[in-house]
Amino acid sequence: MTNKIDLMCEKAKQAQAQAYSPYSGCEVGVCIKTTDDTYFSGCNVENASYAVTACAEVSAVTAMITAGKYDITDVMITSNKGHGFPPCGKCRQLLSEFAAPDMTIHFTDSDGQFVSLPFSDIFPHAFQPKHVGDTE
């Protein structure tokens, strides 16, 4: 039986194979797991106008929201580069919106070595929904 990490890595690599990255050549795949054990994948989609480029995390979160899910427990990030790819700052903020309290980030390099870290370690003081509007 495949464990969660292996399954997520496989799904992220499948998404990575679909990446559209003609400008950077950096192919990124992501698999996110929700609290009800549903998996969503995404890949990066570059654009000649760089500001329009979508990170793989954005693709996966968009698929998750479209399916009516909102709580992420794990994120696996793969790339074709020789080093691991933690989420960029924009994606850390996006993920924080939907992070379960104990969400873990896993990222792997092209050699299959991976690191797993609590999300709170890589984004300790995230801007949260509680910071918007009236607070007490």
N, C-alpha and C. Protein backbone atom coordinates (compact mmCIF):
# COMPACT_ATOMS: atom_id res chain seq x y z
N MET A 1 0.84 -1.19 0.00
CA MET A 1 0.00 0.00 0.00
C MET A 1 0.88 1.24 0.00
N THR A 2 0.50 2.20 -0.77
CA THR A 2 1.26 3.44 -0.90
C THR A 2 0.94 4.35 0.28
N ASN A 3 2.00 4.95 0.86
CA ASN A 3 1.73 5.90 1.95
C ASN A 3 1.37 7.27 1.38
N LYS A 4 0.89 8.13 2.26
CA LYS A 4 0.42 9.46 1.87
C LYS A 4 1.49 10.25 1.13
N ILE A 5 2.71 10.24 1.62
CA ILE A 5 3.79 11.03 1.00
C ILE A 5 4.08 10.53 -0.41
N ASP A 6 4.17 9.21 -0.58
CA ASP A 6 4.43 8.65 -1.91
C ASP A 6 3.30 8.98 -2.87
N LEU A 7 2.06 8.84 -2.41
CA LEU A 7 0.91 9.14 -3.25
C LEU A 7 0.90 10.61 -3.66
N MET A 8 1.14 11.49 -2.70
CA MET A 8 1.15 12.92 -3.00
C MET A 8 2.28 13.27 -3.97
N CYS A 9 3.43 12.66 -3.78
CA CYS A 9 4.57 12.91 -4.66
C CYS A 9 4.25 12.45 -6.08
N GLU A 10 3.62 11.29 -6.20
CA GLU A 10 3.24 10.77 -7.52
C GLU A 10 2.25 11.71 -8.21
N LYS A 11 1.24 12.15 -7.47
CA LYS A 11 0.24 13.06 -8.04
C LYS A 11 0.86 14.41 -8.42
N ALA A 12 1.78 14.92 -7.59
CA ALA A 12 2.45 16.19 -7.90
C ALA A 12 3.32 16.04 -9.15
N LYS A 13 4.01 14.92 -9.29
CA LYS A 13 4.85 14.70 -10.47
C LYS A 13 4.01 14.55 -11.73
N GLN A 14 2.83 13.94 -11.62
CA GLN A 14 1.92 13.85 -12.77
C GLN A 14 1.49 15.24 -13.20
N ALA A 15 1.18 16.10 -12.25
CA ALA A 15 0.82 17.48 -12.57
C ALA A 15 2.01 18.23 -13.14
N GLN A 16 3.18 18.01 -12.55
CA GLN A 16 4.41 18.67 -13.01
C GLN A 16 4.66 18.38 -14.49
N ALA A 17 4.36 17.17 -14.92
CA ALA A 17 4.56 16.78 -16.32
C ALA A 17 3.70 17.60 -17.28
N GLN A 18 2.65 18.24 -16.75
CA GLN A 18 1.76 19.07 -17.57
C GLN A 18 2.11 20.56 -17.50
N ALA A 19 3.12 20.90 -16.74
CA ALA A 19 3.48 22.32 -16.56
C ALA A 19 3.74 23.00 -17.90
N TYR A 20 3.32 24.24 -17.98
CA TYR A 20 3.58 25.06 -19.16
C TYR A 20 4.60 26.11 -18.73
N SER A 21 5.86 25.86 -19.07
CA SER A 21 6.93 26.75 -18.60
C SER A 21 7.95 27.03 -19.69
N PRO A 22 7.51 27.62 -20.81
CA PRO A 22 8.43 27.85 -21.93
C PRO A 22 9.47 28.94 -21.66
N TYR A 23 9.28 29.76 -20.65
CA TYR A 23 10.18 30.88 -20.40
C TYR A 23 11.26 30.54 -19.38
N SER A 24 10.87 29.94 -18.27
CA SER A 24 11.84 29.62 -17.22
C SER A 24 12.37 28.20 -17.34
N GLY A 25 11.60 27.32 -17.95
CA GLY A 25 11.97 25.91 -18.00
C GLY A 25 11.79 25.22 -16.66
N CYS A 26 11.23 25.90 -15.70
CA CYS A 26 11.01 25.35 -14.35
C CYS A 26 9.62 24.76 -14.28
N GLU A 27 9.56 23.44 -14.23
CA GLU A 27 8.28 22.74 -14.16
C GLU A 27 7.99 22.39 -12.70
N VAL A 28 6.84 22.85 -12.22
CA VAL A 28 6.48 22.63 -10.82
C VAL A 28 5.13 21.94 -10.77
N GLY A 29 5.03 20.95 -9.89
CA GLY A 29 3.77 20.26 -9.65
C GLY A 29 3.45 20.30 -8.17
N VAL A 30 2.18 20.33 -7.84
CA VAL A 30 1.73 20.37 -6.45
C VAL A 30 0.59 19.39 -6.27
N CYS A 31 0.57 18.78 -5.10
CA CYS A 31 -0.60 18.00 -4.68
C CYS A 31 -0.94 18.46 -3.27
N ILE A 32 -2.20 18.80 -3.07
CA ILE A 32 -2.66 19.16 -1.74
C ILE A 32 -3.67 18.11 -1.27
N LYS A 33 -3.66 17.87 0.04
CA LYS A 33 -4.58 16.91 0.67
C LYS A 33 -5.44 17.67 1.65
N THR A 34 -6.74 17.42 1.59
CA THR A 34 -7.66 18.10 2.49
C THR A 34 -7.94 17.25 3.73
N THR A 35 -8.63 17.84 4.67
CA THR A 35 -8.92 17.15 5.93
C THR A 35 -9.76 15.89 5.73
N ASP A 36 -10.49 15.81 4.62
CA ASP A 36 -11.29 14.61 4.36
C ASP A 36 -10.58 13.65 3.40
N ASP A 37 -9.25 13.78 3.29
CA ASP A 37 -8.41 12.90 2.47
C ASP A 37 -8.73 12.97 0.98
N THR A 38 -9.09 14.14 0.50
CA THR A 38 -9.26 14.37 -0.93
C THR A 38 -7.99 15.03 -1.44
N TYR A 39 -7.56 14.65 -2.63
CA TYR A 39 -6.31 15.16 -3.21
C TYR A 39 -6.62 16.03 -4.42
N PHE A 40 -5.88 17.14 -4.54
CA PHE A 40 -6.00 18.03 -5.68
C PHE A 40 -4.60 18.37 -6.17
N SER A 41 -4.42 18.37 -7.48
CA SER A 41 -3.10 18.65 -8.06
C SER A 41 -3.17 19.89 -8.93
N GLY A 42 -1.99 20.46 -9.17
CA GLY A 42 -1.89 21.61 -10.05
C GLY A 42 -0.47 21.76 -10.55
N CYS A 43 -0.31 22.51 -11.63
CA CYS A 43 1.02 22.78 -12.18
C CYS A 43 1.13 24.27 -12.47
N ASN A 44 2.37 24.72 -12.65
CA ASN A 44 2.55 26.13 -12.98
C ASN A 44 2.21 26.36 -14.45
N VAL A 45 1.69 27.56 -14.72
CA VAL A 45 1.31 27.97 -16.07
C VAL A 45 1.90 29.35 -16.30
N GLU A 46 2.98 29.39 -17.08
CA GLU A 46 3.65 30.67 -17.35
C GLU A 46 2.95 31.42 -18.46
N ASN A 47 3.27 32.70 -18.54
CA ASN A 47 2.71 33.57 -19.55
C ASN A 47 3.79 34.56 -19.95
N ALA A 48 3.77 35.00 -21.21
CA ALA A 48 4.75 35.97 -21.67
C ALA A 48 4.69 37.24 -20.82
N SER A 49 3.52 37.57 -20.32
CA SER A 49 3.36 38.65 -19.35
C SER A 49 3.50 38.00 -17.98
N TYR A 50 4.69 38.06 -17.40
CA TYR A 50 5.00 37.30 -16.19
C TYR A 50 3.99 37.47 -15.07
N ALA A 51 3.39 38.63 -14.96
CA ALA A 51 2.44 38.87 -13.88
C ALA A 51 1.20 37.98 -13.99
N VAL A 52 0.94 37.44 -15.16
CA VAL A 52 -0.21 36.59 -15.39
C VAL A 52 0.09 35.12 -15.07
N THR A 53 1.36 34.80 -14.86
CA THR A 53 1.77 33.44 -14.56
C THR A 53 1.07 32.94 -13.29
N ALA A 54 0.65 31.67 -13.31
CA ALA A 54 0.01 31.05 -12.15
C ALA A 54 0.94 29.98 -11.58
N CYS A 55 1.20 30.06 -10.30
CA CYS A 55 2.00 29.04 -9.62
C CYS A 55 1.20 27.75 -9.53
N ALA A 56 1.88 26.65 -9.34
CA ALA A 56 1.23 25.35 -9.21
C ALA A 56 0.29 25.32 -8.01
N GLU A 57 0.68 25.96 -6.92
CA GLU A 57 -0.16 26.00 -5.73
C GLU A 57 -1.51 26.67 -6.03
N VAL A 58 -1.48 27.73 -6.84
CA VAL A 58 -2.71 28.43 -7.21
C VAL A 58 -3.62 27.49 -7.99
N SER A 59 -3.04 26.72 -8.92
CA SER A 59 -3.83 25.77 -9.70
C SER A 59 -4.50 24.74 -8.80
N ALA A 60 -3.74 24.19 -7.85
CA ALA A 60 -4.28 23.15 -6.97
C ALA A 60 -5.34 23.72 -6.03
N VAL A 61 -5.09 24.88 -5.46
CA VAL A 61 -6.07 25.49 -4.55
C VAL A 61 -7.34 25.84 -5.32
N THR A 62 -7.21 26.33 -6.53
CA THR A 62 -8.38 26.66 -7.34
C THR A 62 -9.23 25.41 -7.58
N ALA A 63 -8.59 24.29 -7.90
CA ALA A 63 -9.32 23.03 -8.10
C ALA A 63 -10.02 22.61 -6.80
N MET A 64 -9.34 22.78 -5.68
CA MET A 64 -9.91 22.42 -4.39
C MET A 64 -11.16 23.25 -4.09
N ILE A 65 -11.06 24.55 -4.27
CA ILE A 65 -12.18 25.43 -4.00
C ILE A 65 -13.34 25.13 -4.94
N THR A 66 -13.03 24.86 -6.21
CA THR A 66 -14.07 24.52 -7.18
C THR A 66 -14.84 23.28 -6.75
N ALA A 67 -14.17 22.36 -6.07
CA ALA A 67 -14.80 21.13 -5.58
C ALA A 67 -15.50 21.33 -4.23
N GLY A 68 -15.45 22.55 -3.69
CA GLY A 68 -16.13 22.84 -2.44
C GLY A 68 -15.37 22.43 -1.19
N LYS A 69 -14.06 22.30 -1.29
CA LYS A 69 -13.22 21.94 -0.14
C LYS A 69 -12.45 23.18 0.31
N TYR A 70 -12.09 23.22 1.62
CA TYR A 70 -11.48 24.44 2.14
C TYR A 70 -10.37 24.25 3.16
N ASP A 71 -10.08 23.02 3.58
CA ASP A 71 -9.10 22.81 4.65
C ASP A 71 -7.97 21.90 4.19
N ILE A 72 -6.76 22.43 4.13
CA ILE A 72 -5.59 21.69 3.64
C ILE A 72 -4.77 21.17 4.81
N THR A 73 -4.44 19.87 4.76
CA THR A 73 -3.59 19.29 5.80
C THR A 73 -2.15 19.11 5.34
N ASP A 74 -1.95 18.88 4.03
CA ASP A 74 -0.60 18.62 3.49
C ASP A 74 -0.47 19.23 2.12
N VAL A 75 0.75 19.67 1.80
CA VAL A 75 1.08 20.18 0.47
C VAL A 75 2.39 19.53 0.05
N MET A 76 2.41 18.93 -1.14
CA MET A 76 3.63 18.35 -1.72
C MET A 76 3.99 19.16 -2.96
N ILE A 77 5.25 19.60 -3.04
CA ILE A 77 5.71 20.40 -4.18
C ILE A 77 6.89 19.67 -4.82
N THR A 78 6.80 19.45 -6.14
CA THR A 78 7.90 18.83 -6.89
C THR A 78 8.34 19.78 -8.00
N SER A 79 9.58 19.60 -8.45
CA SER A 79 10.07 20.41 -9.58
C SER A 79 11.12 19.62 -10.34
N ASN A 80 11.44 20.13 -11.52
CA ASN A 80 12.47 19.50 -12.34
C ASN A 80 13.85 20.08 -12.08
N LYS A 81 13.96 20.96 -11.14
CA LYS A 81 15.25 21.55 -10.79
C LYS A 81 15.94 20.70 -9.73
N GLY A 82 17.22 20.85 -9.57
CA GLY A 82 18.01 20.02 -8.67
C GLY A 82 17.89 20.36 -7.20
N HIS A 83 17.02 21.27 -6.86
CA HIS A 83 16.84 21.66 -5.46
C HIS A 83 15.35 21.70 -5.15
N GLY A 84 15.01 21.59 -3.89
CA GLY A 84 13.60 21.64 -3.51
C GLY A 84 13.00 23.01 -3.69
N PHE A 85 11.70 23.06 -3.88
CA PHE A 85 10.98 24.31 -4.10
C PHE A 85 9.96 24.53 -3.00
N PRO A 86 10.30 25.28 -1.97
CA PRO A 86 9.26 25.66 -1.01
C PRO A 86 8.32 26.66 -1.69
N PRO A 87 7.13 26.86 -1.16
CA PRO A 87 6.21 27.80 -1.80
C PRO A 87 6.75 29.24 -1.73
N CYS A 88 6.47 29.99 -2.79
CA CYS A 88 6.87 31.41 -2.81
C CYS A 88 6.01 32.19 -1.80
N GLY A 89 6.33 33.42 -1.58
CA GLY A 89 5.61 34.25 -0.61
C GLY A 89 4.13 34.39 -0.93
N LYS A 90 3.80 34.62 -2.19
CA LYS A 90 2.39 34.74 -2.59
C LYS A 90 1.64 33.45 -2.29
N CYS A 91 2.26 32.32 -2.58
CA CYS A 91 1.60 31.03 -2.35
C CYS A 91 1.52 30.71 -0.86
N ARG A 92 2.49 31.14 -0.08
CA ARG A 92 2.40 30.94 1.37
C ARG A 92 1.18 31.67 1.91
N GLN A 93 0.95 32.88 1.42
CA GLN A 93 -0.22 33.63 1.85
C GLN A 93 -1.50 32.94 1.40
N LEU A 94 -1.54 32.47 0.16
CA LEU A 94 -2.71 31.76 -0.34
C LEU A 94 -2.98 30.51 0.50
N LEU A 95 -1.95 29.72 0.73
CA LEU A 95 -2.12 28.48 1.50
C LEU A 95 -2.57 28.77 2.93
N SER A 96 -2.11 29.89 3.51
CA SER A 96 -2.47 30.21 4.90
C SER A 96 -3.98 30.40 5.05
N GLU A 97 -4.63 30.83 4.00
CA GLU A 97 -6.09 31.05 4.04
C GLU A 97 -6.84 29.74 4.30
N PHE A 98 -6.27 28.62 3.84
CA PHE A 98 -6.96 27.34 3.88
C PHE A 98 -6.22 26.29 4.72
N ALA A 99 -5.20 26.71 5.44
CA ALA A 99 -4.36 25.77 6.20
C ALA A 99 -5.07 25.25 7.44
N ALA A 100 -5.08 23.92 7.57
CA ALA A 100 -5.50 23.31 8.84
C ALA A 100 -4.42 23.67 9.86
N PRO A 101 -4.75 23.68 11.14
CA PRO A 101 -3.77 24.12 12.16
C PRO A 101 -2.43 23.38 12.12
N ASP A 102 -2.43 22.14 11.68
CA ASP A 102 -1.19 21.37 11.66
C ASP A 102 -0.70 21.07 10.24
N MET A 103 -1.03 21.93 9.29
CA MET A 103 -0.65 21.69 7.89
C MET A 103 0.86 21.52 7.76
N THR A 104 1.25 20.56 6.93
CA THR A 104 2.66 20.28 6.67
C THR A 104 2.98 20.52 5.21
N ILE A 105 4.14 21.13 4.96
CA ILE A 105 4.63 21.36 3.60
C ILE A 105 5.73 20.34 3.34
N HIS A 106 5.62 19.63 2.21
CA HIS A 106 6.63 18.68 1.77
C HIS A 106 7.15 19.20 0.43
N PHE A 107 8.45 19.30 0.27
CA PHE A 107 8.96 19.65 -1.06
C PHE A 107 10.14 18.76 -1.38
N THR A 108 10.25 18.45 -2.67
CA THR A 108 11.24 17.48 -3.11
C THR A 108 12.04 18.03 -4.27
N ASP A 109 13.24 17.50 -4.44
CA ASP A 109 14.08 17.91 -5.56
C ASP A 109 14.01 16.86 -6.66
N SER A 110 14.74 17.09 -7.74
CA SER A 110 14.69 16.18 -8.88
C SER A 110 15.29 14.81 -8.56
N ASP A 111 16.03 14.69 -7.46
CA ASP A 111 16.61 13.41 -7.06
C ASP A 111 15.69 12.63 -6.11
N GLY A 112 14.53 13.21 -5.79
CA GLY A 112 13.58 12.52 -4.94
C GLY A 112 13.79 12.72 -3.45
N GLN A 113 14.76 13.53 -3.07
CA GLN A 113 14.97 13.84 -1.66
C GLN A 113 13.93 14.88 -1.26
N PHE A 114 13.34 14.73 -0.07
CA PHE A 114 12.34 15.72 0.32
C PHE A 114 12.51 16.17 1.75
N VAL A 115 11.91 17.31 2.02
CA VAL A 115 11.89 17.93 3.33
C VAL A 115 10.43 18.10 3.72
N SER A 116 10.10 17.84 4.95
CA SER A 116 8.75 18.08 5.48
C SER A 116 8.86 19.03 6.66
N LEU A 117 8.09 20.10 6.61
CA LEU A 117 8.12 21.12 7.66
C LEU A 117 6.70 21.55 8.02
N PRO A 118 6.46 21.83 9.29
CA PRO A 118 5.18 22.43 9.64
C PRO A 118 5.06 23.79 8.92
N PHE A 119 3.89 24.06 8.39
CA PHE A 119 3.67 25.32 7.69
C PHE A 119 4.01 26.51 8.59
N SER A 120 3.71 26.38 9.87
CA SER A 120 3.99 27.47 10.81
C SER A 120 5.49 27.78 10.91
N ASP A 121 6.34 26.81 10.56
CA ASP A 121 7.79 27.06 10.57
C ASP A 121 8.24 27.91 9.38
N ILE A 122 7.55 27.76 8.24
CA ILE A 122 7.99 28.53 7.07
C ILE A 122 7.18 29.81 6.87
N PHE A 123 6.09 29.94 7.62
CA PHE A 123 5.27 31.16 7.53
C PHE A 123 4.66 31.43 8.91
N PRO A 124 5.52 31.85 9.87
CA PRO A 124 5.09 31.91 11.27
C PRO A 124 4.07 32.99 11.61
N HIS A 125 4.03 34.06 10.89
CA HIS A 125 3.12 35.16 11.25
C HIS A 125 2.28 35.55 10.05
N ALA A 126 1.51 34.59 9.56
CA ALA A 126 0.70 34.82 8.36
C ALA A 126 -0.41 35.83 8.63
N PHE A 127 -0.71 36.61 7.63
CA PHE A 127 -1.87 37.49 7.65
C PHE A 127 -3.09 36.60 7.48
N GLN A 128 -3.98 36.60 8.45
CA GLN A 128 -5.11 35.69 8.48
C GLN A 128 -6.44 36.43 8.31
N PRO A 129 -7.50 35.69 8.00
CA PRO A 129 -8.82 36.32 7.89
C PRO A 129 -9.20 37.12 9.14
N LYS A 130 -8.70 36.69 10.31
CA LYS A 130 -9.01 37.41 11.55
C LYS A 130 -8.45 38.84 11.53
N HIS A 131 -7.49 39.12 10.67
CA HIS A 131 -6.89 40.45 10.58
C HIS A 131 -7.72 41.42 9.74
N VAL A 132 -8.73 40.90 9.08
CA VAL A 132 -9.56 41.73 8.20
C VAL A 132 -10.86 42.07 8.90
N GLY A 133 -11.28 43.32 8.80
CA GLY A 133 -12.56 43.71 9.38
C GLY A 133 -12.48 43.95 10.87
N ASP A 134 -13.63 43.85 11.51
CA ASP A 134 -13.73 44.10 12.95
C ASP A 134 -13.11 42.98 13.74
N THR A 135 -12.21 43.31 14.63
CA THR A 135 -11.62 42.31 15.53
C THR A 135 -11.66 42.87 16.94
N GLU A 136 -11.67 41.99 17.87
CA GLU A 136 -11.68 42.43 19.27
C GLU A 136 -10.39 42.12 19.93
